[in-house]
Amino acid sequence: MTHREGATSMKIIGHRGARGLVAENTLASIVKAVALGVDGVEIDVHLIQDGYFALHHNFLFSSQGPAIKDMSVEDLHASSAHDASTRVPMLYEALETLRAAHDVSIYVEIKTDPTRPDLSSAPEDVVPAIITRLETHLMLERVTILAFDWRILSLLRERAPSIKRGYLTEKETCFSDSPWLNGHYDDHLDAAVQKAGGTLWLPQYEQLTEQDVTRAHANGIEVMPWTVNDLHDAERLRDWGVDGLITDYPDRFVERFCQLCLISQT
């Protein structure tokens, strides 16, 4: 199956490609998600030593280290030389892999941690580098930059306001004076997103209520929760009117919600 025809307005986004089916943040996982017919693909990236962005979720390469940010392309390729299927790709490779999938949106999560500067690159280094990378690959229109660390998004808004931004939240990062929210905390997280100048909120789905969705939409904020893997949860969120969801198992939802949309059109 390729990109869905007659798709429901609720977008289905593959998490780290299709991490429930293929090793996460690999080119194979991205290809799998696209083949399943997703509306978009989400990937995680770190700025590494030689100025490239590497696809990887954790801040450490393994439980023993080192920090991903302190590795080079050569280091990363050497570390997976025994198993090509788990090779850590670079962002430019992912963008080129997705280039021909014109209808698939690309969501790039920048991995930084304001509480652990020893484990992640500084926003002042990351933001110019990601802008240059997207400009180089002519991907400014297709990519949305996501971050839990809203310092990234504030600086991106200042330096390149035309690049789309998505504001990630989870319980552990949302509290008064949180360094993650860069001074934009509000008891209603959709309001915090609005204060920060955002129009896309990506909350942890377990924290989301129907009232949150209604209020966010009234304020012009799209809502795209993560990580939704159960069909009953997805159907409830669809009934609440979320704009999309991020899932490890896009195969569970793409065909299901496409069928529902086609039925509603007959």
Foldseek 3Di string as FASTA:
>chain_A
DAAFDLFDLAFEEEEQQQVVVAPGVFLVSVVVNRVLRGQAYEFEWAQADVLWTWTDDDQAPDPVGDGRNDDDLVRQCVVCVVPPSPRTDTPLVNCVSCVVSVRYAYEYEYDDDPVCCVRGPDLVSPQVSVVVSCVVSVNQVRYEYEYLQCVNVLVNCVPPVSRHYEHEDEPVQADPPRNRLVRQHDPLVLSSCVVSVHQEYEYALVPDDLVSCVVSVVVNHAYEYDDDEDPVSVVVVVVSPHSYYYYSHVNVPRVVRSVVSVVVVD
